[in-house]
PDB file of N, CA and C in Angstrom:
ATOM      1  N   MET A   1       0.814  -1.189   0.000  1.00  0.00           N
ATOM      2  CA  MET A   1       0.000   0.000   0.000  1.00  0.00           C
ATOM      3  C   MET A   1       0.863   1.260   0.000  1.00  0.00           C
ATOM      4  N   ASP A   2       2.132   1.181   0.342  1.00  0.00           N
ATOM      5  CA  ASP A   2       2.983   2.349   0.396  1.00  0.00           C
ATOM      6  C   ASP A   2       3.306   2.916  -0.979  1.00  0.00           C
ATOM      7  N   GLN A   3       3.200   2.107  -2.021  1.00  0.00           N
ATOM      8  CA  GLN A   3       3.583   2.547  -3.349  1.00  0.00           C
ATOM      9  C   GLN A   3       2.575   3.502  -3.983  1.00  0.00           C
ATOM     10  N   GLN A   4       1.316   3.448  -3.584  1.00  0.00           N
ATOM     11  CA  GLN A   4       0.290   4.301  -4.157  1.00  0.00           C
ATOM     12  C   GLN A   4      -0.560   4.943  -3.052  1.00  0.00           C
ATOM     13  N   PRO A   5       0.031   5.773  -2.227  1.00  0.00           N
ATOM     14  CA  PRO A   5      -0.708   6.317  -1.089  1.00  0.00           C
ATOM     15  C   PRO A   5      -1.861   7.243  -1.478  1.00  0.00           C
ATOM     16  N   ASN A   6      -1.830   7.817  -2.683  1.00  0.00           N
ATOM     17  CA  ASN A   6      -2.879   8.743  -3.093  1.00  0.00           C
ATOM     18  C   ASN A   6      -3.945   8.094  -3.967  1.00  0.00           C
ATOM     19  N   ASN A   7      -3.856   6.791  -4.174  1.00  0.00           N
ATOM     20  CA  ASN A   7      -4.824   6.096  -5.006  1.00  0.00           C
ATOM     21  C   ASN A   7      -5.855   5.418  -4.101  1.00  0.00           C
ATOM     22  N   PRO A   8      -7.091   5.954  -4.053  1.00  0.00           N
ATOM     23  CA  PRO A   8      -8.101   5.384  -3.152  1.00  0.00           C
ATOM     24  C   PRO A   8      -8.554   3.979  -3.571  1.00  0.00           C
ATOM     25  N   LEU A   9      -8.248   3.566  -4.779  1.00  0.00           N
ATOM     26  CA  LEU A   9      -8.642   2.236  -5.237  1.00  0.00           C
ATOM     27  C   LEU A   9      -7.540   1.203  -5.066  1.00  0.00           C
ATOM     28  N   HIS A  10      -6.371   1.632  -4.635  1.00  0.00           N
ATOM     29  CA  HIS A  10      -5.252   0.707  -4.476  1.00  0.00           C
ATOM     30  C   HIS A  10      -5.597  -0.369  -3.442  1.00  0.00           C
ATOM     31  N   GLY A  11      -5.472  -1.617  -3.851  1.00  0.00           N
ATOM     32  CA  GLY A  11      -5.744  -2.733  -2.958  1.00  0.00           C
ATOM     33  C   GLY A  11      -7.192  -3.179  -2.923  1.00  0.00           C
ATOM     34  N   VAL A  12      -8.067  -2.481  -3.651  1.00  0.00           N
ATOM     35  CA  VAL A  12      -9.486  -2.845  -3.688  1.00  0.00           C
ATOM     36  C   VAL A  12      -9.737  -3.597  -4.994  1.00  0.00           C
ATOM     37  N   THR A  13     -10.159  -4.845  -4.884  1.00  0.00           N
ATOM     38  CA  THR A  13     -10.419  -5.626  -6.093  1.00  0.00           C
ATOM     39  C   THR A  13     -11.768  -5.239  -6.684  1.00  0.00           C
ATOM     40  N   LEU A  14     -11.927  -5.544  -7.949  1.00  0.00           N
ATOM     41  CA  LEU A  14     -13.196  -5.284  -8.620  1.00  0.00           C
ATOM     42  C   LEU A  14     -14.317  -6.088  -7.960  1.00  0.00           C
ATOM     43  N   ALA A  15     -14.021  -7.305  -7.560  1.00  0.00           N
ATOM     44  CA  ALA A  15     -15.021  -8.139  -6.878  1.00  0.00           C
ATOM     45  C   ALA A  15     -15.452  -7.502  -5.556  1.00  0.00           C
ATOM     46  N   ALA A  16     -14.495  -6.952  -4.823  1.00  0.00           N
ATOM     47  CA  ALA A  16     -14.818  -6.295  -3.552  1.00  0.00           C
ATOM     48  C   ALA A  16     -15.678  -5.055  -3.788  1.00  0.00           C
ATOM     49  N   MET A  17     -15.383  -4.315  -4.852  1.00  0.00           N
ATOM     50  CA  MET A  17     -16.198  -3.144  -5.192  1.00  0.00           C
ATOM     51  C   MET A  17     -17.636  -3.562  -5.480  1.00  0.00           C
ATOM     52  N   LEU A  18     -17.796  -4.602  -6.297  1.00  0.00           N
ATOM     53  CA  LEU A  18     -19.143  -5.066  -6.637  1.00  0.00           C
ATOM     54  C   LEU A  18     -19.884  -5.547  -5.399  1.00  0.00           C
ATOM     55  N   ASP A  19     -19.235  -6.329  -4.570  1.00  0.00           N
ATOM     56  CA  ASP A  19     -19.876  -6.820  -3.344  1.00  0.00           C
ATOM     57  C   ASP A  19     -20.340  -5.654  -2.477  1.00  0.00           C
ATOM     58  N   TYR A  20     -19.483  -4.661  -2.339  1.00  0.00           N
ATOM     59  CA  TYR A  20     -19.819  -3.475  -1.538  1.00  0.00           C
ATOM     60  C   TYR A  20     -21.019  -2.735  -2.137  1.00  0.00           C
ATOM     61  N   LEU A  21     -20.982  -2.513  -3.445  1.00  0.00           N
ATOM     62  CA  LEU A  21     -22.054  -1.766  -4.097  1.00  0.00           C
ATOM     63  C   LEU A  21     -23.380  -2.518  -4.050  1.00  0.00           C
ATOM     64  N   VAL A  22     -23.342  -3.811  -4.254  1.00  0.00           N
ATOM     65  CA  VAL A  22     -24.572  -4.607  -4.185  1.00  0.00           C
ATOM     66  C   VAL A  22     -25.155  -4.540  -2.777  1.00  0.00           C
ATOM     67  N   ALA A  23     -24.317  -4.633  -1.773  1.00  0.00           N
ATOM     68  CA  ALA A  23     -24.789  -4.578  -0.386  1.00  0.00           C
ATOM     69  C   ALA A  23     -25.363  -3.213  -0.037  1.00  0.00           C
ATOM     70  N   ARG A  24     -24.738  -2.149  -0.529  1.00  0.00           N
ATOM     71  CA  ARG A  24     -25.175  -0.788  -0.173  1.00  0.00           C
ATOM     72  C   ARG A  24     -26.316  -0.279  -1.056  1.00  0.00           C
ATOM     73  N   LEU A  25     -26.229  -0.553  -2.373  1.00  0.00           N
ATOM     74  CA  LEU A  25     -27.175   0.042  -3.306  1.00  0.00           C
ATOM     75  C   LEU A  25     -28.180  -0.946  -3.883  1.00  0.00           C
ATOM     76  N   GLY A  26     -27.751  -2.177  -4.072  1.00  0.00           N
ATOM     77  CA  GLY A  26     -28.599  -3.166  -4.743  1.00  0.00           C
ATOM     78  C   GLY A  26     -28.444  -3.064  -6.250  1.00  0.00           C
ATOM     79  N   TRP A  27     -28.803  -4.138  -6.934  1.00  0.00           N
ATOM     80  CA  TRP A  27     -28.633  -4.194  -8.391  1.00  0.00           C
ATOM     81  C   TRP A  27     -29.476  -3.148  -9.119  1.00  0.00           C
ATOM     82  N   GLU A  28     -30.707  -2.934  -8.656  1.00  0.00           N
ATOM     83  CA  GLU A  28     -31.594  -2.000  -9.354  1.00  0.00           C
ATOM     84  C   GLU A  28     -31.010  -0.580  -9.392  1.00  0.00           C
ATOM     85  N   ARG A  29     -30.569  -0.106  -8.242  1.00  0.00           N
ATOM     86  CA  ARG A  29     -29.986   1.246  -8.199  1.00  0.00           C
ATOM     87  C   ARG A  29     -28.671   1.298  -8.966  1.00  0.00           C
ATOM     88  N   MET A  30     -27.874   0.239  -8.867  1.00  0.00           N
ATOM     89  CA  MET A  30     -26.627   0.209  -9.630  1.00  0.00           C
ATOM     90  C   MET A  30     -26.923   0.312 -11.124  1.00  0.00           C
ATOM     91  N   GLY A  31     -27.984  -0.359 -11.576  1.00  0.00           N
ATOM     92  CA  GLY A  31     -28.380  -0.293 -12.980  1.00  0.00           C
ATOM     93  C   GLY A  31     -28.824   1.093 -13.398  1.00  0.00           C
ATOM     94  N   ARG A  32     -29.424   1.835 -12.474  1.00  0.00           N
ATOM     95  CA  ARG A  32     -29.807   3.219 -12.787  1.00  0.00           C
ATOM     96  C   ARG A  32     -28.587   4.125 -12.838  1.00  0.00           C
ATOM     97  N   GLU A  33     -27.650   3.885 -11.944  1.00  0.00           N
ATOM     98  CA  GLU A  33     -26.444   4.719 -11.872  1.00  0.00           C
ATOM     99  C   GLU A  33     -25.489   4.447 -13.036  1.00  0.00           C
ATOM    100  N   VAL A  34     -25.325   3.163 -13.382  1.00  0.00           N
ATOM    101  CA  VAL A  34     -24.439   2.752 -14.473  1.00  0.00           C
ATOM    102  C   VAL A  34     -25.272   1.846 -15.374  1.00  0.00           C
ATOM    103  N   ASP A  35     -25.741   2.392 -16.484  1.00  0.00           N
ATOM    104  CA  ASP A  35     -26.684   1.685 -17.352  1.00  0.00           C
ATOM    105  C   ASP A  35     -25.973   0.640 -18.212  1.00  0.00           C
ATOM    106  N   ILE A  36     -25.793  -0.547 -17.625  1.00  0.00           N
ATOM    107  CA  ILE A  36     -25.225  -1.665 -18.369  1.00  0.00           C
ATOM    108  C   ILE A  36     -26.085  -2.895 -18.091  1.00  0.00           C
ATOM    109  N   LEU A  37     -26.230  -3.740 -19.086  1.00  0.00           N
ATOM    110  CA  LEU A  37     -27.123  -4.893 -18.983  1.00  0.00           C
ATOM    111  C   LEU A  37     -26.765  -5.856 -17.865  1.00  0.00           C
ATOM    112  N   CYS A  38     -25.494  -6.003 -17.565  1.00  0.00           N
ATOM    113  CA  CYS A  38     -25.126  -6.968 -16.514  1.00  0.00           C
ATOM    114  C   CYS A  38     -25.636  -6.526 -15.145  1.00  0.00           C
ATOM    115  N   PHE A  39     -26.089  -5.270 -15.000  1.00  0.00           N
ATOM    116  CA  PHE A  39     -26.688  -4.802 -13.754  1.00  0.00           C
ATOM    117  C   PHE A  39     -28.211  -4.842 -13.805  1.00  0.00           C
ATOM    118  N   THR A  40     -28.788  -4.854 -15.001  1.00  0.00           N
ATOM    119  CA  THR A  40     -30.235  -4.738 -15.118  1.00  0.00           C
ATOM    120  C   THR A  40     -30.930  -6.013 -15.594  1.00  0.00           C
ATOM    121  N   ASN A  41     -30.219  -6.897 -16.268  1.00  0.00           N
ATOM    122  CA  ASN A  41     -30.823  -8.099 -16.829  1.00  0.00           C
ATOM    123  C   ASN A  41     -30.175  -9.338 -16.200  1.00  0.00           C
ATOM    124  N   GLN A  42     -30.872  -9.960 -15.268  1.00  0.00           N
ATOM    125  CA  GLN A  42     -30.380 -11.126 -14.539  1.00  0.00           C
ATOM    126  C   GLN A  42     -28.970 -10.885 -13.977  1.00  0.00           C
ATOM    127  N   PRO A  43     -28.838  -9.896 -13.113  1.00  0.00           N
ATOM    128  CA  PRO A  43     -27.513  -9.518 -12.613  1.00  0.00           C
ATOM    129  C   PRO A  43     -26.885 -10.580 -11.716  1.00  0.00           C
ATOM    130  N   SER A  44     -25.584 -10.681 -11.822  1.00  0.00           N
ATOM    131  CA  SER A  44     -24.802 -11.522 -10.916  1.00  0.00           C
ATOM    132  C   SER A  44     -23.395 -10.950 -10.853  1.00  0.00           C
ATOM    133  N   VAL A  45     -22.712 -11.240  -9.787  1.00  0.00           N
ATOM    134  CA  VAL A  45     -21.344 -10.761  -9.636  1.00  0.00           C
ATOM    135  C   VAL A  45     -20.462 -11.391 -10.708  1.00  0.00           C
ATOM    136  N   THR A  46     -20.651 -12.671 -10.981  1.00  0.00           N
ATOM    137  CA  THR A  46     -19.822 -13.367 -11.964  1.00  0.00           C
ATOM    138  C   THR A  46     -19.942 -12.749 -13.351  1.00  0.00           C
ATOM    139  N   SER A  47     -21.174 -12.537 -13.826  1.00  0.00           N
ATOM    140  CA  SER A  47     -21.336 -11.963 -15.164  1.00  0.00           C
ATOM    141  C   SER A  47     -20.846 -10.518 -15.204  1.00  0.00           C
ATOM    142  N   SER A  48     -21.055  -9.792 -14.126  1.00  0.00           N
ATOM    143  CA  SER A  48     -20.593  -8.403 -14.073  1.00  0.00           C
ATOM    144  C   SER A  48     -19.072  -8.329 -14.113  1.00  0.00           C
ATOM    145  N   LEU A  49     -18.409  -9.213 -13.369  1.00  0.00           N
ATOM    146  CA  LEU A  49     -16.947  -9.225 -13.373  1.00  0.00           C
ATOM    147  C   LEU A  49     -16.409  -9.518 -14.768  1.00  0.00           C
ATOM    148  N   LYS A  50     -16.983 -10.487 -15.454  1.00  0.00           N
ATOM    149  CA  LYS A  50     -16.531 -10.825 -16.809  1.00  0.00           C
ATOM    150  C   LYS A  50     -16.653  -9.615 -17.728  1.00  0.00           C
ATOM    151  N   PHE A  51     -17.797  -8.939 -17.662  1.00  0.00           N
ATOM    152  CA  PHE A  51     -18.028  -7.779 -18.520  1.00  0.00           C
ATOM    153  C   PHE A  51     -17.094  -6.631 -18.161  1.00  0.00           C
ATOM    154  N   LEU A  52     -17.009  -6.299 -16.892  1.00  0.00           N
ATOM    155  CA  LEU A  52     -16.230  -5.135 -16.467  1.00  0.00           C
ATOM    156  C   LEU A  52     -14.734  -5.309 -16.711  1.00  0.00           C
ATOM    157  N   ARG A  53     -14.263  -6.533 -16.687  1.00  0.00           N
ATOM    158  CA  ARG A  53     -12.840  -6.774 -16.967  1.00  0.00           C
ATOM    159  C   ARG A  53     -12.516  -6.575 -18.444  1.00  0.00           C
ATOM    160  N   LYS A  54     -13.522  -6.663 -19.309  1.00  0.00           N
ATOM    161  CA  LYS A  54     -13.303  -6.520 -20.751  1.00  0.00           C
ATOM    162  C   LYS A  54     -13.609  -5.118 -21.271  1.00  0.00           C
ATOM    163  N   VAL A  55     -14.377  -4.330 -20.510  1.00  0.00           N
ATOM    164  CA  VAL A  55     -14.864  -3.046 -21.007  1.00  0.00           C
ATOM    165  C   VAL A  55     -14.385  -1.912 -20.096  1.00  0.00           C
ATOM    166  N   PRO A  56     -13.293  -1.257 -20.474  1.00  0.00           N
ATOM    167  CA  PRO A  56     -12.686  -0.235 -19.606  1.00  0.00           C
ATOM    168  C   PRO A  56     -13.610   0.924 -19.229  1.00  0.00           C
ATOM    169  N   TRP A  57     -14.453   1.405 -20.151  1.00  0.00           N
ATOM    170  CA  TRP A  57     -15.314   2.545 -19.816  1.00  0.00           C
ATOM    171  C   TRP A  57     -16.335   2.156 -18.751  1.00  0.00           C
ATOM    172  N   ALA A  58     -16.834   0.940 -18.795  1.00  0.00           N
ATOM    173  CA  ALA A  58     -17.813   0.482 -17.808  1.00  0.00           C
ATOM    174  C   ALA A  58     -17.135   0.311 -16.444  1.00  0.00           C
ATOM    175  N   ARG A  59     -15.940  -0.246 -16.458  1.00  0.00           N
ATOM    176  CA  ARG A  59     -15.204  -0.408 -15.198  1.00  0.00           C
ATOM    177  C   ARG A  59     -14.933   0.954 -14.564  1.00  0.00           C
ATOM    178  N   ALA A  60     -14.561   1.930 -15.377  1.00  0.00           N
ATOM    179  CA  ALA A  60     -14.295   3.276 -14.860  1.00  0.00           C
ATOM    180  C   ALA A  60     -15.543   3.862 -14.203  1.00  0.00           C
ATOM    181  N   LYS A  61     -16.709   3.633 -14.803  1.00  0.00           N
ATOM    182  CA  LYS A  61     -17.955   4.142 -14.215  1.00  0.00           C
ATOM    183  C   LYS A  61     -18.264   3.457 -12.886  1.00  0.00           C
ATOM    184  N   VAL A  62     -18.010   2.164 -12.812  1.00  0.00           N
ATOM    185  CA  VAL A  62     -18.240   1.426 -11.563  1.00  0.00           C
ATOM    186  C   VAL A  62     -17.258   1.904 -10.493  1.00  0.00           C
ATOM    187  N   GLU A  63     -16.027   2.139 -10.867  1.00  0.00           N
ATOM    188  CA  GLU A  63     -15.051   2.647  -9.909  1.00  0.00           C
ATOM    189  C   GLU A  63     -15.477   4.008  -9.374  1.00  0.00           C
ATOM    190  N   GLN A  64     -15.977   4.871 -10.240  1.00  0.00           N
ATOM    191  CA  GLN A  64     -16.443   6.191  -9.799  1.00  0.00           C
ATOM    192  C   GLN A  64     -17.661   6.064  -8.884  1.00  0.00           C
ATOM    193  N   LEU A  65     -18.569   5.152  -9.208  1.00  0.00           N
ATOM    194  CA  LEU A  65     -19.730   4.919  -8.347  1.00  0.00           C
ATOM    195  C   LEU A  65     -19.274   4.421  -6.979  1.00  0.00           C
ATOM    196  N   TYR A  66     -18.313   3.541  -6.959  1.00  0.00           N
ATOM    197  CA  TYR A  66     -17.757   3.032  -5.699  1.00  0.00           C
ATOM    198  C   TYR A  66     -17.177   4.178  -4.872  1.00  0.00           C
ATOM    199  N   LEU A  67     -16.383   5.028  -5.501  1.00  0.00           N
ATOM    200  CA  LEU A  67     -15.769   6.149  -4.780  1.00  0.00           C
ATOM    201  C   LEU A  67     -16.817   7.121  -4.252  1.00  0.00           C
ATOM    202  N   ARG A  68     -17.835   7.419  -5.069  1.00  0.00           N
ATOM    203  CA  ARG A  68     -18.910   8.321  -4.614  1.00  0.00           C
ATOM    204  C   ARG A  68     -19.667   7.719  -3.439  1.00  0.00           C
ATOM    205  N   THR A  69     -19.952   6.434  -3.508  1.00  0.00           N
ATOM    206  CA  THR A  69     -20.702   5.760  -2.450  1.00  0.00           C
ATOM    207  C   THR A  69     -19.883   5.724  -1.163  1.00  0.00           C
ATOM    208  N   LYS A  70     -18.602   5.422  -1.261  1.00  0.00           N
ATOM    209  CA  LYS A  70     -17.729   5.415  -0.084  1.00  0.00           C
ATOM    210  C   LYS A  70     -17.634   6.819   0.532  1.00  0.00           C
ATOM    211  N   ALA A  71     -17.572   7.825  -0.303  1.00  0.00           N
ATOM    212  CA  ALA A  71     -17.449   9.207   0.181  1.00  0.00           C
ATOM    213  C   ALA A  71     -18.689   9.636   0.954  1.00  0.00           C
ATOM    214  N   ARG A  72     -19.853   9.152   0.558  1.00  0.00           N
ATOM    215  CA  ARG A  72     -21.092   9.499   1.251  1.00  0.00           C
ATOM    216  C   ARG A  72     -21.143   8.923   2.657  1.00  0.00           C
ATOM    217  N   GLU A  73     -20.424   7.839   2.880  1.00  0.00           N
ATOM    218  CA  GLU A  73     -20.419   7.199   4.200  1.00  0.00           C
ATOM    219  C   GLU A  73     -19.608   7.985   5.217  1.00  0.00           C
ATOM    220  N   ARG A  74     -18.672   8.755   4.763  1.00  0.00           N
ATOM    221  CA  ARG A  74     -17.768   9.469   5.678  1.00  0.00           C
ATOM    222  C   ARG A  74     -18.404  10.684   6.265  1.00  0.00           C
TER     223      ARG A  74
END
């Protein structure tokens, strides 16, 4: 963690982000916030991970949603 002290996503896996977002927001709200089919049509962590690992713009949106959601908790 010392190598990237200013990166709030350092050490947070994509799976951990999804688990956190599903627990806090639920799939329906996540689908409204980030309009992608893996959140709105039969959502699952497995299918979402496969999609987000292949599509950089979608992953970036999920990362931003994660950061916004974490910031609201503070």
